[in-house]
Protein backbone atom coordinates (compact mmCIF):
# COMPACT_ATOMS: atom_id res chain seq x y z
CA MET A 1 0.00 0.00 0.00
CA ALA A 2 2.84 2.40 0.84
CA ALA A 3 4.42 1.90 -2.59
CA LEU A 4 1.10 2.60 -4.33
CA ILE A 5 0.55 5.77 -2.27
CA TYR A 6 4.00 7.03 -3.25
CA GLN A 7 3.30 6.30 -6.93
CA ILE A 8 0.05 8.28 -6.69
CA PHE A 9 1.90 11.14 -5.00
CA SER A 10 4.59 11.15 -7.69
CA SER A 11 1.95 11.02 -10.41
CA SER A 12 -0.01 13.96 -8.97
CA ALA A 13 3.13 16.10 -8.58
CA LEU A 14 4.42 15.41 -12.10
CA VAL A 15 1.08 15.82 -13.87
CA SER A 16 0.27 19.09 -12.09
CA GLN A 17 3.76 20.44 -12.81
CA GLY A 18 3.57 19.43 -16.46
CA LEU A 19 0.04 20.76 -16.95
CA TYR A 20 0.92 24.12 -15.38
CA HIS A 21 4.03 24.38 -17.56
CA LEU A 22 1.99 23.45 -20.63
CA ILE A 23 -0.66 26.09 -19.97
CA CYS A 24 1.79 28.91 -19.16
CA THR A 25 4.06 28.12 -22.12
CA THR A 26 1.17 28.06 -24.58
CA LYS A 27 -0.31 31.24 -23.12
CA ASN A 28 2.98 33.15 -23.35
CA HIS A 29 3.53 32.03 -26.95
CA LEU A 30 0.03 33.00 -28.05
CA LYS A 31 0.33 36.42 -26.43
CA SER A 32 3.60 37.37 -28.14
CA PRO A 33 5.04 34.78 -30.56
CA ARG A 34 7.90 37.05 -31.66
CA GLU A 35 9.06 37.82 -28.11
CA TYR A 36 8.57 34.29 -26.79
CA VAL A 37 11.45 32.77 -24.79
CA ALA A 38 11.39 29.58 -22.73
CA LYS A 39 11.37 30.14 -18.97
CA PRO A 40 12.66 27.76 -16.27
CA TYR A 41 9.55 28.48 -14.23
CA HIS A 42 6.41 30.57 -14.56
CA PRO A 43 5.47 32.93 -11.69
CA PHE A 44 1.97 32.48 -10.38
CA PRO A 45 -0.20 35.40 -11.56
CA THR A 46 -0.99 37.77 -8.65
CA THR A 47 -1.63 41.45 -8.07
CA HIS A 48 1.05 43.64 -6.49
CA HIS A 49 -1.44 44.81 -3.85
CA HIS A 50 -1.98 41.26 -2.61
CA HIS A 51 -0.70 40.71 0.93
CA HIS A 52 1.03 37.42 0.02
CA HIS A 53 2.24 38.57 -3.39
CA ARG A 54 5.81 37.25 -3.07
CA PHE A 55 4.74 33.87 -1.69
CA LEU A 56 2.13 33.30 -4.40
CA ARG A 57 4.52 34.45 -7.12
CA HIS A 58 6.92 31.59 -6.31
CA LEU A 59 4.23 29.07 -5.42
CA GLN A 60 5.30 26.69 -8.19
CA LEU A 61 8.87 26.57 -6.88
CA TYR A 62 7.75 26.12 -3.27
CA LEU A 63 5.54 23.17 -4.20
CA LEU A 64 8.30 21.69 -6.36
CA ILE A 65 10.82 21.92 -3.52
CA LEU A 66 8.34 20.37 -1.09
CA CYS A 67 7.60 17.43 -3.42
CA LEU A 68 11.30 16.82 -4.08
CA PHE A 69 12.02 16.88 -0.34
CA ILE A 70 9.29 14.30 0.34
CA ALA A 71 10.58 12.10 -2.50
CA LEU A 72 14.12 12.36 -1.10
CA LEU A 73 12.98 11.26 2.35
CA HIS A 74 11.08 8.35 0.80
CA GLN A 75 14.13 7.14 -1.11
CA LEU A 76 16.34 7.33 1.98
CA LEU A 77 13.77 5.35 3.94
CA VAL A 78 13.32 2.74 1.21
CA SER A 79 17.09 2.24 0.92
CA SER A 80 17.10 0.60 4.36
CA TYR A 81 14.59 -2.09 3.30
CA ALA A 82 15.84 -5.58 2.54
CA ASP A 83 14.95 -6.56 -1.01
CA PRO A 84 15.78 -10.21 -1.76
CA LEU A 85 14.29 -10.10 -5.28
CA LEU A 86 16.92 -7.91 -6.93
CA LYS A 87 19.87 -9.54 -8.66
CA GLY A 88 22.75 -9.22 -6.23
CA ARG A 89 20.43 -9.03 -3.20
CA THR A 90 20.34 -6.21 -0.66
CA PRO A 91 23.57 -4.27 -1.50
CA VAL A 92 22.31 -3.65 -5.04
CA HIS A 93 19.00 -2.31 -3.74
CA LEU A 94 20.80 -0.11 -1.23
CA PHE A 95 23.11 1.41 -3.83
CA THR A 96 20.39 2.00 -6.43
CA SER A 97 18.18 3.66 -3.81
CA LEU A 98 21.01 5.91 -2.67
CA GLN A 99 21.74 6.85 -6.28
CA ALA A 100 18.08 7.79 -6.76
CA ALA A 101 18.23 9.84 -3.56
CA ALA A 102 21.35 11.63 -4.80
CA ILE A 103 19.65 12.57 -8.09
CA LEU A 104 16.59 13.84 -6.23
CA PHE A 105 18.87 15.89 -3.98
CA SER A 106 20.51 17.37 -7.09
CA PHE A 107 17.11 18.35 -8.46
CA LEU A 108 16.32 19.88 -5.06
CA LEU A 109 19.52 21.96 -5.11
CA LEU A 110 18.75 23.12 -8.65
CA SER A 111 15.24 24.21 -7.61
CA LEU A 112 16.63 26.08 -4.61
CA ALA A 113 19.20 27.78 -6.83
CA LEU A 114 16.43 28.85 -9.20
CA LEU A 115 14.44 30.28 -6.29
CA LEU A 116 17.46 32.17 -4.95
CA SER A 117 18.30 33.55 -8.38
CA ASP A 118 14.82 35.04 -8.67
CA VAL A 119 14.45 36.30 -5.09
CA THR A 120 17.98 37.61 -4.48
CA THR A 121 21.06 38.62 -6.45
CA LEU A 122 23.36 36.16 -4.68
CA LEU A 123 23.08 33.46 -7.32
CA PRO A 124 22.18 34.79 -10.77
CA LEU A 125 21.28 31.69 -12.78
CA PRO A 126 20.69 32.32 -16.51
CA PRO A 127 17.92 30.23 -18.11
CA ASP A 128 20.23 28.48 -20.59
CA LEU A 129 22.48 27.28 -17.77
CA PHE A 130 19.46 26.04 -15.84
CA PHE A 131 18.20 24.03 -18.82
CA ALA A 132 21.69 22.60 -19.41
CA LEU A 133 21.96 21.45 -15.77
CA ALA A 134 18.43 20.04 -15.87
CA SER A 135 19.34 18.14 -19.04
CA ALA A 136 22.34 16.57 -17.28
CA LEU A 137 20.21 15.54 -14.28
CA PHE A 138 17.51 14.02 -16.47
CA PHE A 139 20.20 12.08 -18.30
CA LEU A 140 21.48 10.77 -14.96
CA GLN A 141 17.91 9.79 -14.13
CA TYR A 142 17.69 7.93 -17.43
CA SER A 143 20.98 6.15 -16.76
CA LEU A 144 19.90 5.12 -13.26
CA SER A 145 16.50 3.87 -14.40
CA SER A 146 18.12 1.84 -17.19
CA SER A 147 20.53 0.27 -14.71
CA SER A 148 17.70 -0.42 -12.27
CA ALA A 149 15.66 -2.15 -14.98
CA ALA A 150 18.62 -4.41 -15.76
CA VAL A 151 18.80 -5.80 -12.20
CA GLN A 152 15.08 -6.52 -11.81
CA THR A 153 14.01 -10.14 -11.54
CA SER A 154 10.45 -9.14 -12.40
CA ASP A 155 10.02 -8.65 -16.14
CA LEU A 156 6.89 -6.59 -15.49
CA GLN A 157 8.69 -4.14 -13.23
CA ALA A 158 11.70 -4.04 -15.55
CA LYS A 159 9.38 -2.99 -18.39
CA CYS A 160 7.79 -0.22 -16.31
CA VAL A 161 11.18 1.14 -15.22
CA SER A 162 12.62 1.01 -18.74
CA VAL A 163 9.70 3.02 -20.14
CA SER A 164 10.20 5.60 -17.39
CA ALA A 165 13.88 5.77 -18.34
CA ARG A 166 12.99 6.58 -21.95
CA ILE A 167 10.72 9.43 -20.85
CA SER A 168 13.59 10.81 -18.75
CA ALA A 169 15.85 10.62 -21.81
CA LEU A 170 13.25 12.59 -23.77
CA SER A 171 13.13 15.26 -21.05
CA SER A 172 16.93 15.46 -21.10
CA ALA A 173 17.01 15.98 -24.87
CA LEU A 174 14.30 18.67 -24.69
CA CYS A 175 16.11 20.58 -21.94
CA LEU A 176 19.30 20.47 -23.98
CA ALA A 177 17.41 21.81 -27.01
CA LEU A 178 16.03 24.69 -24.91
CA ALA A 179 19.50 25.46 -23.57
CA CYS A 180 20.70 25.89 -27.16
CA GLN A 181 17.51 27.37 -28.66
CA PRO A 182 15.45 29.08 -25.92
CA ARG A 183 12.88 30.33 -28.48
CA LEU A 184 11.95 26.80 -29.56
CA PHE A 185 8.28 26.65 -28.61
CA VAL A 186 7.84 23.03 -29.70
CA ALA A 187 10.56 21.83 -27.32
CA ASP A 188 9.15 23.84 -24.41
CA VAL A 189 5.65 22.45 -24.93
CA ALA A 190 7.01 18.93 -25.35
CA LEU A 191 8.89 19.31 -22.05
CA GLY A 192 5.66 20.01 -20.20
CA ALA A 193 4.01 17.12 -22.02
CA SER A 194 6.87 14.80 -20.98
CA PHE A 195 6.24 15.70 -17.32
CA CYS A 196 2.56 14.81 -17.76
CA LEU A 197 3.50 11.55 -19.47
CA GLN A 198 5.97 10.65 -16.73
CA GLY A 199 3.30 11.30 -14.11
CA LEU A 200 0.70 9.19 -15.88
CA TRP A 201 3.21 6.38 -16.28
CA ALA A 202 4.08 6.54 -12.57
CA LEU A 203 0.39 6.00 -11.81
CA GLN A 204 0.20 3.17 -14.35
CA THR A 205 3.27 1.54 -12.79
CA GLY A 206 1.66 1.59 -9.35
CA LEU A 207 -1.58 0.12 -10.66
CA SER A 208 0.09 -2.58 -12.79
CA LEU A 209 2.39 -3.75 -10.00
CA TYR A 210 0.46 -3.33 -6.77
CA VAL A 211 -3.30 -3.42 -7.53
CA ASP A 212 -4.74 -6.87 -8.21
CA ALA A 213 -7.45 -5.59 -10.55
CA PHE A 214 -4.84 -4.03 -12.88
CA ILE A 215 -2.18 -6.77 -12.79
CA PRO A 216 -2.17 -8.46 -16.23
CA GLU A 217 -3.65 -11.95 -16.49
CA GLY A 218 -1.11 -14.66 -15.82
CA CYS A 219 0.89 -12.46 -13.44
CA HIS A 220 0.54 -12.17 -9.67
CA LYS A 221 2.11 -10.76 -6.53
CA LEU A 222 4.36 -13.11 -4.59
CA LEU A 223 2.78 -14.01 -1.26
CA ASP A 224 6.04 -14.49 0.67
CA VAL A 225 7.30 -10.97 -0.04
CA VAL A 226 6.28 -7.63 1.40
CA SER A 227 3.72 -5.99 -0.89
CA GLY A 228 5.25 -3.20 -2.94
CA VAL A 229 8.84 -4.43 -2.78
CA GLU A 230 10.66 -4.36 -6.11
CA GLY A 231 10.03 -7.46 -8.17
CA SER A 232 7.07 -8.61 -6.06
CA THR A 233 4.88 -8.97 -9.16
CA LYS A 234 5.87 -11.90 -11.34
CA CYS A 235 4.63 -13.69 -14.46
CA ASP A 236 4.88 -17.47 -14.31
CA LEU A 237 4.78 -18.39 -18.01
CA GLU A 238 6.68 -16.90 -20.93
CA ASP A 239 3.43 -16.33 -22.83
CA SER A 240 2.00 -14.44 -19.85
CA LYS A 241 5.10 -12.28 -19.65
CA LEU A 242 4.98 -11.41 -23.36
CA ARG A 243 1.27 -10.67 -23.12
CA ALA A 244 1.80 -8.41 -20.09
CA VAL A 245 4.61 -6.51 -21.84
CA ALA A 246 2.43 -6.05 -24.94
CA ILE A 247 -0.39 -4.70 -22.77
CA LEU A 248 1.97 -2.21 -21.14
CA ASP A 249 3.16 -1.07 -24.58
CA LEU A 250 -0.45 -0.52 -25.65
CA VAL A 251 -1.26 1.36 -22.45
CA PHE A 252 1.78 3.58 -22.94
CA VAL A 253 0.59 4.53 -26.43
CA LEU A 254 -2.82 5.37 -24.95
CA HIS A 255 -1.13 7.61 -22.38
CA VAL A 256 0.75 9.39 -25.17
CA LEU A 257 -2.52 9.95 -27.04
CA PHE A 258 -4.14 11.25 -23.86
CA VAL A 259 -1.32 13.76 -23.29
CA LEU A 260 -1.61 14.83 -26.93
CA LEU A 261 -5.34 15.35 -26.43
CA ILE A 262 -4.65 17.45 -23.34
CA PHE A 263 -2.33 19.68 -25.37
CA PHE A 264 -4.92 20.14 -28.13
CA VAL A 265 -7.58 21.09 -25.59
CA VAL A 266 -5.27 23.52 -23.77
CA TYR A 267 -4.11 25.14 -27.00
CA SER A 268 -7.60 25.49 -28.49
CA VAL A 269 -9.09 26.94 -25.28
CA LEU A 270 -6.26 29.45 -24.82
CA ALA A 271 -6.22 30.39 -28.49
CA LYS A 272 -9.97 31.00 -28.45
CA THR A 273 -9.79 33.01 -25.20
CA LEU A 274 -6.82 35.18 -26.18
CA GLY A 275 -8.07 35.52 -29.75
CA SER A 276 -11.50 36.67 -28.58
CA ARG A 277 -9.88 39.34 -26.41
CA SER A 278 -7.79 40.68 -29.27
CA ARG A 279 -10.78 40.72 -31.63
CA PHE A 280 -12.88 42.49 -29.01
CA GLY A 281 -10.18 45.12 -28.57
CA SER A 282 -9.97 45.81 -32.30
CA TYR A 283 -13.76 46.02 -32.53
CA GLU A 284 -13.84 48.73 -29.86
CA ALA A 285 -11.43 50.91 -31.86
CA LEU A 286 -13.58 50.88 -35.03
CA PRO A 287 -16.36 53.32 -33.96
CA ASN A 288 -13.81 55.97 -32.91
CA THR A 289 -12.05 55.65 -36.25
CA ALA A 290 -15.33 55.97 -38.10
CA VAL A 291 -16.35 59.08 -36.09
CA ASP A 292 -13.00 60.74 -36.75
CA SER A 293 -13.31 60.03 -40.48
CA ASN A 294 -16.84 61.46 -40.64
CA HIS A 295 -15.72 64.54 -38.72
CA ILE A 296 -12.89 65.19 -41.18
CA GLN A 297 -15.22 64.77 -44.15
CA LEU A 298 -17.76 67.17 -42.58
CA LYS A 299 -15.11 69.85 -42.06
CA ALA A 300 -13.92 69.44 -45.65
CA MET A 301 -17.46 69.85 -46.98
CA THR A 302 -17.99 72.95 -44.80
CA GLY A 303 -14.77 74.51 -46.08
CA THR A 304 -15.77 73.85 -49.70
CA GLN A 305 -19.18 75.45 -49.30
CA ALA A 306 -17.61 78.47 -47.65
């Protein structure tokens, strides 16, 4: 149960972060396409007269730091668990958990540096440097997830971890592209979409490994192992394993389509909203222009008659 709760927590944090990034990025691009530049984070819209203006402005960073801190504590706690189902037994589990904790701590330091660079002048962090560092950390995450998938005795869990590793590799490539081309709107939108996809896959991983109703047919949780421990969900037959992997591939494609649908909805709603405002503004200017034109014509006619 604890492992499923953590997967739900990770999913909620990643999806909300990705969706917020997707909305803000699309909104900024639609407002001024020529002046658009990718931002490491998007301040929460507030009024300057608001009492908690500074806190709300950096709300995204505060929530991100809180989520990373909770994830770091979870990894440090999990590293002390004995996991007899990994190849190499407990030392392998300990080292992989500590590596995951180190990467989370690096992300935490990067988020704190971004907050300090915006609040104070002690640590000015340019956006291209931030995206370059984020790209390196996502690549480390990809490398760790790939190594973790290789030591799993459960083919089902190895598949889930390997898919997560590929999403991390995609995020790394997108951050590197933004570090080199900060005006690349497609890469910025795709980065937010990759966060959403990673969050949805974290939820799918928890359901496929720890919830009986979602475990593929022919696979089951081992009864002599603590529920939620790595590799606790196994497939007995080769056909069952291949079928389970094929189902996960299909579900992943469905998640990609769902994220694509989210982007289309966000883009169409924002385009309609911002476009309606601009059309309304131009409509208001027409009567004044017409009045001025009629006034000029009237004066010209008066002068001619005189």
